[in-house]
C-alpha atoms as a PDB file:
ATOM      1  CA  THR A   1      48.062   5.881  21.668  1.00  0.00           C
ATOM      2  CA  ALA A   2      48.253   2.741  23.809  1.00  0.00           C
ATOM      3  CA  SER A   3      47.541   4.769  26.966  1.00  0.00           C
ATOM      4  CA  MET A   4      44.283   6.188  25.605  1.00  0.00           C
ATOM      5  CA  THR A   5      41.131   5.214  27.525  1.00  0.00           C
ATOM      6  CA  TRP A   6      37.833   4.446  25.784  1.00  0.00           C
ATOM      7  CA  LEU A   7      34.884   5.957  27.649  1.00  0.00           C
ATOM      8  CA  PRO A   8      31.313   4.642  27.350  1.00  0.00           C
ATOM      9  CA  PHE A   9      28.295   6.672  26.352  1.00  0.00           C
ATOM     10  CA  GLY A  10      25.721   6.492  29.129  1.00  0.00           C
ATOM     11  CA  ASP A  11      25.685   4.647  32.429  1.00  0.00           C
ATOM     12  CA  ALA A  12      25.505   1.140  30.943  1.00  0.00           C
ATOM     13  CA  PRO A  13      25.673  -0.677  27.604  1.00  0.00           C
ATOM     14  CA  LEU A  14      22.517  -0.940  25.541  1.00  0.00           C
ATOM     15  CA  THR A  15      20.729  -4.233  26.080  1.00  0.00           C
ATOM     16  CA  THR A  16      18.645  -6.443  23.828  1.00  0.00           C
ATOM     17  CA  GLU A  17      16.435  -9.420  24.528  1.00  0.00           C
ATOM     18  CA  CYS A  18      18.175 -11.325  21.701  1.00  0.00           C
ATOM     19  CA  GLY A  19      20.920 -13.859  22.356  1.00  0.00           C
ATOM     20  CA  THR A  20      22.824 -13.039  19.158  1.00  0.00           C
ATOM     21  CA  THR A  21      23.365  -9.872  17.121  1.00  0.00           C
ATOM     22  CA  THR A  22      23.714 -10.380  13.375  1.00  0.00           C
ATOM     23  CA  PHE A  23      23.680  -6.728  12.259  1.00  0.00           C
ATOM     24  CA  LEU A  24      24.965  -3.498  13.833  1.00  0.00           C
ATOM     25  CA  ASP A  25      25.011   0.003  12.327  1.00  0.00           C
ATOM     26  CA  LEU A  26      26.290   3.171  14.031  1.00  0.00           C
ATOM     27  CA  GLN A  27      25.698   6.498  12.269  1.00  0.00           C
ATOM     28  CA  ALA A  28      25.780  10.217  12.998  1.00  0.00           C
ATOM     29  CA  ASP A  29      22.919  12.349  11.716  1.00  0.00           C
ATOM     30  CA  PRO A  30      23.455  15.772  10.056  1.00  0.00           C
ATOM     31  CA  LEU A  31      23.176  17.418  13.489  1.00  0.00           C
ATOM     32  CA  GLY A  32      25.943  15.237  14.944  1.00  0.00           C
ATOM     33  CA  ARG A  33      23.791  12.947  17.109  1.00  0.00           C
ATOM     34  CA  LEU A  34      24.662   9.248  17.270  1.00  0.00           C
ATOM     35  CA  HIS A  35      22.184   6.536  16.303  1.00  0.00           C
ATOM     36  CA  VAL A  36      22.572   2.771  16.656  1.00  0.00           C
ATOM     37  CA  LEU A  37      20.492   0.155  14.845  1.00  0.00           C
ATOM     38  CA  SER A  38      20.872  -3.578  15.425  1.00  0.00           C
ATOM     39  CA  ALA A  39      19.188  -6.851  14.544  1.00  0.00           C
ATOM     40  CA  GLY A  40      19.461 -10.292  16.068  1.00  0.00           C
ATOM     41  CA  GLY A  41      17.843 -13.556  16.968  1.00  0.00           C
ATOM     42  CA  TRP A  42      17.905 -16.506  19.378  1.00  0.00           C
ATOM     43  CA  LEU A  43      15.999 -16.133  22.656  1.00  0.00           C
ATOM     44  CA  CYS A  44      13.912 -13.461  20.908  1.00  0.00           C
ATOM     45  CA  PRO A  45      11.496 -13.363  17.966  1.00  0.00           C
ATOM     46  CA  ASP A  46      14.160 -11.987  15.547  1.00  0.00           C
ATOM     47  CA  ALA A  47      14.158  -8.340  16.612  1.00  0.00           C
ATOM     48  CA  VAL A  48      15.349  -4.962  15.277  1.00  0.00           C
ATOM     49  CA  ASP A  49      16.458  -2.538  18.041  1.00  0.00           C
ATOM     50  CA  TYR A  50      17.174   1.211  17.901  1.00  0.00           C
ATOM     51  CA  ALA A  51      18.454   3.991  20.191  1.00  0.00           C
ATOM     52  CA  TRP A  52      19.865   7.509  19.789  1.00  0.00           C
ATOM     53  CA  TRP A  53      22.156   9.691  21.908  1.00  0.00           C
ATOM     54  CA  ASP A  54      20.760  13.097  22.922  1.00  0.00           C
ATOM     55  CA  GLY A  55      24.027  14.402  24.374  1.00  0.00           C
ATOM     56  CA  ALA A  56      23.417  13.095  27.887  1.00  0.00           C
ATOM     57  CA  ALA A  57      21.790   9.666  27.617  1.00  0.00           C
ATOM     58  CA  TRP A  58      20.587   7.034  25.176  1.00  0.00           C
ATOM     59  CA  GLN A  59      17.000   7.590  24.137  1.00  0.00           C
ATOM     60  CA  ALA A  60      14.472   5.375  22.392  1.00  0.00           C
ATOM     61  CA  TYR A  61      11.081   6.046  20.938  1.00  0.00           C
ATOM     62  CA  PRO A  62       8.177   4.029  22.322  1.00  0.00           C
ATOM     63  CA  SER A  63       8.529   0.415  21.326  1.00  0.00           C
ATOM     64  CA  LEU A  64       6.433  -0.920  18.488  1.00  0.00           C
ATOM     65  CA  THR A  65       6.270  -4.344  20.127  1.00  0.00           C
ATOM     66  CA  GLY A  66       6.240  -3.752  23.895  1.00  0.00           C
ATOM     67  CA  ASP A  67       9.926  -4.642  24.332  1.00  0.00           C
ATOM     68  CA  PRO A  68      12.477  -1.850  24.990  1.00  0.00           C
ATOM     69  CA  ARG A  69      13.932  -0.134  21.892  1.00  0.00           C
ATOM     70  CA  GLN A  70      12.291  -2.580  19.508  1.00  0.00           C
ATOM     71  CA  LEU A  71      11.277  -1.452  16.000  1.00  0.00           C
ATOM     72  CA  ALA A  72      10.160  -4.880  14.862  1.00  0.00           C
ATOM     73  CA  HIS A  73      10.020  -8.516  15.810  1.00  0.00           C
ATOM     74  CA  ASN A  74       9.693 -11.503  13.518  1.00  0.00           C
ATOM     75  CA  ALA A  75      12.149  -9.518  11.401  1.00  0.00           C
ATOM     76  CA  THR A  76      14.322 -10.930   8.643  1.00  0.00           C
ATOM     77  CA  GLY A  77      17.597  -9.831   7.050  1.00  0.00           C
ATOM     78  CA  ARG A  78      19.365  -6.507   7.481  1.00  0.00           C
ATOM     79  CA  PRO A  79      17.373  -3.362   8.344  1.00  0.00           C
ATOM     80  CA  ALA A  80      18.381   0.114   7.146  1.00  0.00           C
ATOM     81  CA  MET A  81      18.609   3.654   8.537  1.00  0.00           C
ATOM     82  CA  ALA A  82      18.848   7.019   6.738  1.00  0.00           C
ATOM     83  CA  TRP A  83      18.082  10.741   7.044  1.00  0.00           C
ATOM     84  CA  TRP A  84      15.955  12.656   4.577  1.00  0.00           C
ATOM     85  CA  ASN A  85      16.681  16.389   4.624  1.00  0.00           C
ATOM     86  CA  GLN A  86      13.577  18.340   3.697  1.00  0.00           C
ATOM     87  CA  THR A  87      14.040  22.044   4.513  1.00  0.00           C
ATOM     88  CA  SER A  88      16.680  21.060   7.104  1.00  0.00           C
ATOM     89  CA  ASP A  89      14.363  18.965   9.278  1.00  0.00           C
ATOM     90  CA  HIS A  90      16.535  15.826   8.902  1.00  0.00           C
ATOM     91  CA  ARG A  91      13.761  13.244   9.157  1.00  0.00           C
ATOM     92  CA  ARG A  92      14.800   9.870  10.570  1.00  0.00           C
ATOM     93  CA  ILE A  93      13.781   6.988   8.332  1.00  0.00           C
ATOM     94  CA  PHE A  94      14.084   3.231   8.889  1.00  0.00           C
ATOM     95  CA  ALA A  95      13.330   0.197   6.743  1.00  0.00           C
ATOM     96  CA  VAL A  96      12.582  -3.269   8.081  1.00  0.00           C
ATOM     97  CA  ALA A  97      11.441  -6.617   6.743  1.00  0.00           C
ATOM     98  CA  ARG A  98       9.125  -8.448   9.087  1.00  0.00           C
ATOM     99  CA  SER A  99       6.701 -11.317   9.103  1.00  0.00           C
ATOM    100  CA  ALA A 100       2.990 -10.594   9.017  1.00  0.00           C
ATOM    101  CA  GLY A 101      -0.005 -12.835   9.481  1.00  0.00           C
ATOM    102  CA  GLU A 102      -0.295 -16.232  11.082  1.00  0.00           C
ATOM    103  CA  LEU A 103       1.186 -19.587  10.137  1.00  0.00           C
ATOM    104  CA  PRO A 104       0.908 -21.280   7.702  1.00  0.00           C
ATOM    105  CA  ASP A 105       0.049 -18.147   5.691  1.00  0.00           C
ATOM    106  CA  ARG A 106       2.671 -15.814   7.201  1.00  0.00           C
ATOM    107  CA  VAL A 107       4.306 -13.503   4.646  1.00  0.00           C
ATOM    108  CA  SER A 108       7.317 -11.185   4.684  1.00  0.00           C
ATOM    109  CA  GLU A 109       6.499  -7.466   4.344  1.00  0.00           C
ATOM    110  CA  HIS A 110       8.998  -4.667   3.719  1.00  0.00           C
ATOM    111  CA  ARG A 111       8.033  -1.304   5.184  1.00  0.00           C
ATOM    112  CA  VAL A 112       9.541   2.135   5.796  1.00  0.00           C
ATOM    113  CA  LEU A 113       9.087   3.511   9.335  1.00  0.00           C
ATOM    114  CA  GLU A 114       9.356   7.080  10.614  1.00  0.00           C
ATOM    115  CA  PRO A 115       9.173   8.317  14.228  1.00  0.00           C
ATOM    116  CA  TRP A 116       6.898  11.233  15.068  1.00  0.00           C
ATOM    117  CA  SER A 117       6.300  12.938  18.407  1.00  0.00           C
ATOM    118  CA  SER A 118       2.941  11.177  18.608  1.00  0.00           C
ATOM    119  CA  GLY A 119       4.271   7.723  17.719  1.00  0.00           C
ATOM    120  CA  TRP A 120       5.434   5.794  14.690  1.00  0.00           C
ATOM    121  CA  GLY A 121       4.295   6.172  11.112  1.00  0.00           C
ATOM    122  CA  GLU A 122       4.827   3.501   8.498  1.00  0.00           C
ATOM    123  CA  SER A 123       4.493   3.263   4.748  1.00  0.00           C
ATOM    124  CA  PRO A 124       2.274   0.797   2.946  1.00  0.00           C
ATOM    125  CA  ALA A 125       4.151  -2.420   2.206  1.00  0.00           C
ATOM    126  CA  LEU A 126       6.788  -1.927  -0.488  1.00  0.00           C
ATOM    127  CA  ASP A 127       5.918  -5.381  -1.798  1.00  0.00           C
ATOM    128  CA  GLU A 128       3.229  -5.450  -4.454  1.00  0.00           C
ATOM    129  CA  ASP A 129       2.522  -9.097  -3.657  1.00  0.00           C
ATOM    130  CA  PRO A 130       4.135 -10.159  -0.334  1.00  0.00           C
ATOM    131  CA  LEU A 131       5.597 -13.662  -0.429  1.00  0.00           C
ATOM    132  CA  HIS A 132       5.921 -16.362   2.214  1.00  0.00           C
ATOM    133  CA  ASP A 133       8.658 -15.474   4.680  1.00  0.00           C
ATOM    134  CA  GLY A 134      11.866 -16.961   3.269  1.00  0.00           C
ATOM    135  CA  GLY A 135      14.385 -15.230   5.545  1.00  0.00           C
ATOM    136  CA  GLY A 136      17.570 -13.282   4.832  1.00  0.00           C
ATOM    137  CA  GLU A 137      15.852 -10.380   3.089  1.00  0.00           C
ATOM    138  CA  ASP A 138      18.079  -7.272   3.223  1.00  0.00           C
ATOM    139  CA  LEU A 139      17.173  -3.600   2.766  1.00  0.00           C
ATOM    140  CA  SER A 140      18.995  -0.388   1.882  1.00  0.00           C
ATOM    141  CA  LEU A 141      17.916   3.275   1.917  1.00  0.00           C
ATOM    142  CA  ALA A 142      19.306   6.268   0.021  1.00  0.00           C
ATOM    143  CA  SER A 143      18.297   9.895   0.480  1.00  0.00           C
ATOM    144  CA  SER A 144      19.261  13.296  -0.859  1.00  0.00           C
ATOM    145  CA  ASP A 145      18.083  16.808  -0.032  1.00  0.00           C
ATOM    146  CA  GLY A 146      14.732  18.030  -1.273  1.00  0.00           C
ATOM    147  CA  TYR A 147      11.336  16.786  -2.286  1.00  0.00           C
ATOM    148  CA  GLY A 148      11.999  15.597  -5.837  1.00  0.00           C
ATOM    149  CA  PHE A 149      11.311  12.074  -7.061  1.00  0.00           C
ATOM    150  CA  HIS A 150      14.411   9.866  -6.582  1.00  0.00           C
ATOM    151  CA  SER A 151      15.351  11.924  -3.490  1.00  0.00           C
ATOM    152  CA  PHE A 152      14.387   9.060  -1.177  1.00  0.00           C
ATOM    153  CA  CYS A 153      14.608   5.446  -2.376  1.00  0.00           C
ATOM    154  CA  ALA A 154      14.530   1.935  -0.944  1.00  0.00           C
ATOM    155  CA  ALA A 155      16.033  -1.335  -2.189  1.00  0.00           C
ATOM    156  CA  TRP A 156      15.101  -4.748  -0.828  1.00  0.00           C
ATOM    157  CA  THR A 157      15.284  -8.441  -1.623  1.00  0.00           C
ATOM    158  CA  GLU A 158      12.601 -11.128  -1.464  1.00  0.00           C
ATOM    159  CA  ASN A 159      13.329 -14.839  -1.168  1.00  0.00           C
ATOM    160  CA  VAL A 160      10.946 -16.384  -3.690  1.00  0.00           C
ATOM    161  CA  SER A 161      11.737 -19.922  -2.507  1.00  0.00           C
ATOM    162  CA  GLY A 162      10.215 -19.467   0.941  1.00  0.00           C
ATOM    163  CA  ASP A 163      13.159 -21.476   2.327  1.00  0.00           C
ATOM    164  CA  PRO A 164      15.963 -19.645   4.215  1.00  0.00           C
ATOM    165  CA  MET A 165      18.432 -22.328   3.072  1.00  0.00           C
ATOM    166  CA  VAL A 166      17.730 -21.672  -0.627  1.00  0.00           C
ATOM    167  CA  GLN A 167      19.228 -18.481  -2.085  1.00  0.00           C
ATOM    168  CA  GLU A 168      16.597 -17.453  -4.627  1.00  0.00           C
ATOM    169  CA  HIS A 169      16.238 -13.725  -4.049  1.00  0.00           C
ATOM    170  CA  ASP A 170      14.775 -11.044  -6.293  1.00  0.00           C
ATOM    171  CA  LEU A 171      15.954  -7.430  -5.928  1.00  0.00           C
ATOM    172  CA  TYR A 172      13.625  -4.436  -6.115  1.00  0.00           C
ATOM    173  CA  VAL A 173      13.977  -0.633  -5.969  1.00  0.00           C
ATOM    174  CA  LYS A 174      11.267   1.967  -5.422  1.00  0.00           C
ATOM    175  CA  CYS A 175      11.375   5.717  -4.699  1.00  0.00           C
ATOM    176  CA  TYR A 176       9.023   7.899  -2.700  1.00  0.00           C
ATOM    177  CA  ASP A 177       6.493   9.942  -4.665  1.00  0.00           C
ATOM    178  CA  GLY A 178       5.257  12.941  -2.689  1.00  0.00           C
ATOM    179  CA  LEU A 179       2.133  13.315  -4.824  1.00  0.00           C
ATOM    180  CA  THR A 180       0.777   9.858  -4.045  1.00  0.00           C
ATOM    181  CA  GLU A 181       2.698   9.403  -0.755  1.00  0.00           C
ATOM    182  CA  HIS A 182       3.655   5.930  -1.955  1.00  0.00           C
ATOM    183  CA  PHE A 183       6.885   4.293  -3.088  1.00  0.00           C
ATOM    184  CA  ILE A 184       6.763   3.674  -6.837  1.00  0.00           C
ATOM    185  CA  PRO A 185       9.162   2.084  -9.381  1.00  0.00           C
ATOM    186  CA  LEU A 186      11.735   4.175 -11.216  1.00  0.00           C
ATOM    187  CA  GLY A 187      10.646   2.764 -14.568  1.00  0.00           C
ATOM    188  CA  ASP A 188       8.082   0.250 -15.721  1.00  0.00           C
ATOM    189  CA  GLN A 189       8.766  -2.124 -12.835  1.00  0.00           C
ATOM    190  CA  ALA A 190      10.523  -2.266  -9.485  1.00  0.00           C
ATOM    191  CA  LEU A 191      12.349  -5.534 -10.236  1.00  0.00           C
ATOM    192  CA  VAL A 192      16.083  -5.041 -10.885  1.00  0.00           C
ATOM    193  CA  SER A 193      17.480  -8.588 -10.954  1.00  0.00           C
ATOM    194  CA  LEU A 194      16.754 -11.590 -13.159  1.00  0.00           C
ATOM    195  CA  ASP A 195      16.164 -15.264 -12.396  1.00  0.00           C
ATOM    196  CA  HIS A 196      16.033 -14.898  -8.579  1.00  0.00           C
ATOM    197  CA  ARG A 197      19.792 -14.308  -8.248  1.00  0.00           C
ATOM    198  CA  ALA A 198      20.465 -11.168  -6.195  1.00  0.00           C
ATOM    199  CA  ARG A 199      21.109 -10.157  -2.583  1.00  0.00           C
ATOM    200  CA  SER A 200      22.910  -7.630  -0.312  1.00  0.00           C
ATOM    201  CA  PRO A 201      21.842  -4.362  -1.987  1.00  0.00           C
ATOM    202  CA  HIS A 202      23.431  -1.001  -1.198  1.00  0.00           C
ATOM    203  CA  LEU A 203      21.910   2.220  -2.598  1.00  0.00           C
ATOM    204  CA  LEU A 204      23.650   5.597  -2.901  1.00  0.00           C
ATOM    205  CA  HIS A 205      22.827   8.978  -4.426  1.00  0.00           C
ATOM    206  CA  VAL A 206      25.675  10.401  -6.512  1.00  0.00           C
ATOM    207  CA  GLY A 207      24.645  13.846  -7.671  1.00  0.00           C
ATOM    208  CA  SER A 208      21.382  13.398  -9.555  1.00  0.00           C
ATOM    209  CA  ALA A 209      22.040   9.700 -10.246  1.00  0.00           C
ATOM    210  CA  LEU A 210      21.071   6.704  -8.120  1.00  0.00           C
ATOM    211  CA  TRP A 211      23.726   3.987  -7.806  1.00  0.00           C
ATOM    212  CA  LEU A 212      23.117   0.419  -6.665  1.00  0.00           C
ATOM    213  CA  ALA A 213      25.666  -2.254  -5.734  1.00  0.00           C
ATOM    214  CA  TYR A 214      24.546  -5.816  -5.037  1.00  0.00           C
ATOM    215  CA  LEU A 215      25.594  -9.449  -5.289  1.00  0.00           C
ATOM    216  CA  ALA A 216      24.509 -11.306  -8.429  1.00  0.00           C
ATOM    217  CA  ARG A 217      24.618 -15.075  -8.898  1.00  0.00           C
ATOM    218  CA  GLU A 218      26.728 -15.818 -12.002  1.00  0.00           C
ATOM    219  CA  SER A 219      27.747 -19.056 -13.734  1.00  0.00           C
ATOM    220  CA  ASP A 220      30.606 -20.111 -16.005  1.00  0.00           C
ATOM    221  CA  GLY A 221      29.126 -23.565 -16.562  1.00  0.00           C
ATOM    222  CA  PRO A 222      28.659 -26.006 -13.682  1.00  0.00           C
ATOM    223  CA  ASP A 223      29.541 -23.606 -10.856  1.00  0.00           C
ATOM    224  CA  TRP A 224      27.643 -20.600  -9.530  1.00  0.00           C
ATOM    225  CA  ARG A 225      29.327 -17.691  -7.728  1.00  0.00           C
ATOM    226  CA  TRP A 226      28.189 -14.533  -5.955  1.00  0.00           C
ATOM    227  CA  HIS A 227      29.806 -11.570  -7.730  1.00  0.00           C
ATOM    228  CA  VAL A 228      29.505  -7.820  -7.192  1.00  0.00           C
ATOM    229  CA  ARG A 229      27.454  -5.905  -9.729  1.00  0.00           C
ATOM    230  CA  VAL A 230      27.120  -2.105  -9.870  1.00  0.00           C
ATOM    231  CA  VAL A 231      24.387  -0.308 -11.807  1.00  0.00           C
ATOM    232  CA  ARG A 232      23.086   3.256 -11.871  1.00  0.00           C
ATOM    233  CA  TRP A 233      19.916   5.090 -12.813  1.00  0.00           C
ATOM    234  CA  LEU A 234      20.585   8.411 -14.539  1.00  0.00           C
ATOM    235  CA  PRO A 235      18.086  11.283 -14.806  1.00  0.00           C
ATOM    236  CA  ASP A 236      15.545  10.666 -17.583  1.00  0.00           C
ATOM    237  CA  SER A 237      16.716   7.045 -17.885  1.00  0.00           C
ATOM    238  CA  GLU A 238      14.407   4.181 -18.767  1.00  0.00           C
ATOM    239  CA  ALA A 239      16.593   1.372 -17.425  1.00  0.00           C
ATOM    240  CA  TRP A 240      19.489   0.607 -15.097  1.00  0.00           C
ATOM    241  CA  GLU A 241      22.940   1.080 -16.650  1.00  0.00           C
ATOM    242  CA  LEU A 242      25.719  -1.402 -15.820  1.00  0.00           C
ATOM    243  CA  VAL A 243      28.868   0.265 -14.438  1.00  0.00           C
ATOM    244  CA  GLY A 244      31.869  -1.933 -15.267  1.00  0.00           C
ATOM    245  CA  THR A 245      32.348  -5.698 -15.011  1.00  0.00           C
ATOM    246  CA  GLY A 246      34.868  -8.195 -13.657  1.00  0.00           C
ATOM    247  CA  LEU A 247      35.325  -6.692 -10.215  1.00  0.00           C
ATOM    248  CA  GLU A 248      36.660  -9.919  -8.686  1.00  0.00           C
ATOM    249  CA  ASP A 249      40.249 -11.072  -9.273  1.00  0.00           C
ATOM    250  CA  ALA A 250      39.024 -14.571 -10.200  1.00  0.00           C
ATOM    251  CA  PHE A 251      35.677 -15.916 -11.392  1.00  0.00           C
ATOM    252  CA  THR A 252      35.965 -18.808  -8.946  1.00  0.00           C
ATOM    253  CA  SER A 253      35.689 -16.400  -5.986  1.00  0.00           C
ATOM    254  CA  ASP A 254      32.541 -15.524  -4.066  1.00  0.00           C
ATOM    255  CA  SER A 255      32.076 -11.983  -2.784  1.00  0.00           C
ATOM    256  CA  GLU A 256      30.292 -10.413   0.186  1.00  0.00           C
ATOM    257  CA  ASP A 257      29.089  -7.072   1.549  1.00  0.00           C
ATOM    258  CA  PRO A 258      29.321  -4.557  -1.337  1.00  0.00           C
ATOM    259  CA  HIS A 259      29.266  -0.968  -0.088  1.00  0.00           C
ATOM    260  CA  LEU A 260      29.259   2.335  -2.008  1.00  0.00           C
ATOM    261  CA  LEU A 261      30.636   5.680  -0.809  1.00  0.00           C
ATOM    262  CA  VAL A 262      30.885   9.082  -2.481  1.00  0.00           C
ATOM    263  CA  HIS A 263      33.775  11.310  -1.369  1.00  0.00           C
ATOM    264  CA  GLU A 264      34.721  14.633  -2.941  1.00  0.00           C
ATOM    265  CA  GLY A 265      32.545  13.814  -5.922  1.00  0.00           C
ATOM    266  CA  ARG A 266      34.114  10.404  -6.562  1.00  0.00           C
ATOM    267  CA  VAL A 267      32.500   6.998  -6.099  1.00  0.00           C
ATOM    268  CA  PHE A 268      34.250   4.225  -4.178  1.00  0.00           C
ATOM    269  CA  LEU A 269      33.237   0.578  -3.835  1.00  0.00           C
ATOM    270  CA  SER A 270      34.303  -1.835  -1.110  1.00  0.00           C
ATOM    271  CA  PHE A 271      33.607  -5.561  -0.885  1.00  0.00           C
ATOM    272  CA  VAL A 272      35.118  -8.794   0.410  1.00  0.00           C
ATOM    273  CA  GLU A 273      36.296 -11.398  -2.105  1.00  0.00           C
ATOM    274  CA  LEU A 274      36.516 -14.956  -0.757  1.00  0.00           C
ATOM    275  CA  THR A 275      39.282 -16.540  -2.818  1.00  0.00           C
ATOM    276  CA  GLU A 276      39.804 -20.299  -2.987  1.00  0.00           C
ATOM    277  CA  ASN A 277      43.483 -20.260  -2.029  1.00  0.00           C
ATOM    278  CA  ALA A 278      44.379 -16.870  -0.533  1.00  0.00           C
ATOM    279  CA  GLY A 279      41.422 -16.444   1.808  1.00  0.00           C
ATOM    280  CA  PRO A 280      39.335 -13.258   2.132  1.00  0.00           C
ATOM    281  CA  ARG A 281      40.498 -10.075   0.398  1.00  0.00           C
ATOM    282  CA  VAL A 282      39.044  -6.637   1.104  1.00  0.00           C
ATOM    283  CA  HIS A 283      38.838  -4.590  -2.102  1.00  0.00           C
ATOM    284  CA  ILE A 284      38.475  -0.809  -2.381  1.00  0.00           C
ATOM    285  CA  LYS A 285      37.865   0.217  -6.004  1.00  0.00           C
ATOM    286  CA  LYS A 286      36.790   3.262  -7.994  1.00  0.00           C
ATOM    287  CA  PRO A 287      35.357   3.532 -11.526  1.00  0.00           C
END
């Protein structure tokens, strides 16, 4: 109601050294605790910040960079957060893209991070051959209960142009293999997209299948548009399977922010279509 009062968690808002925030994600873990992940830039070296609510106050693991709450600096694109339930321990997992090395040879690495009581652990780089930092490289994580292959997977993009103003991104997916303790491709290769035309991935487990929604660059001749594409990897598959086509109302539209959700066994897709004449439209669709 209009008379309802919103109460803050904690004594004060969470702070960041960054002047702008370009990404914010609030989630509840399987035990009901709140977690907030954010990313931003300006007045800071492009940072990813994290905190969690223990029931009385906001907590943060020791910083990886020396700044409060910081998981990474010199970061790029959207980070990701997920929980992996192995024998009900609900492990907290994060994925970040960050710059490594010194100019002019600095590259962009994509890594999975996990907090332990003794500090932070991190995976080897997901990239088989890290490229020059091109900016705008997004990540997504998907997890399901258990130890089986496909139960924890990561998707990420790499800007092959090395120029943040040029949208030439490849899309990759790998899943964690408990035998080797590395992330490995589902099939022969991790690459999902073709011709450097993919961005904004979102991964989701649906039963024993792995679904992936992303933006693909498509052409009808002279013009190129960002359209939503949905694919899935079924058990014992050898390739990604396309799930439907023509999600936009008009080919001349660009789309943004595809997101998958499973509810009561059904899959739902949301995205924003930027039409030429009617402005933005928020779509909720189901297969």
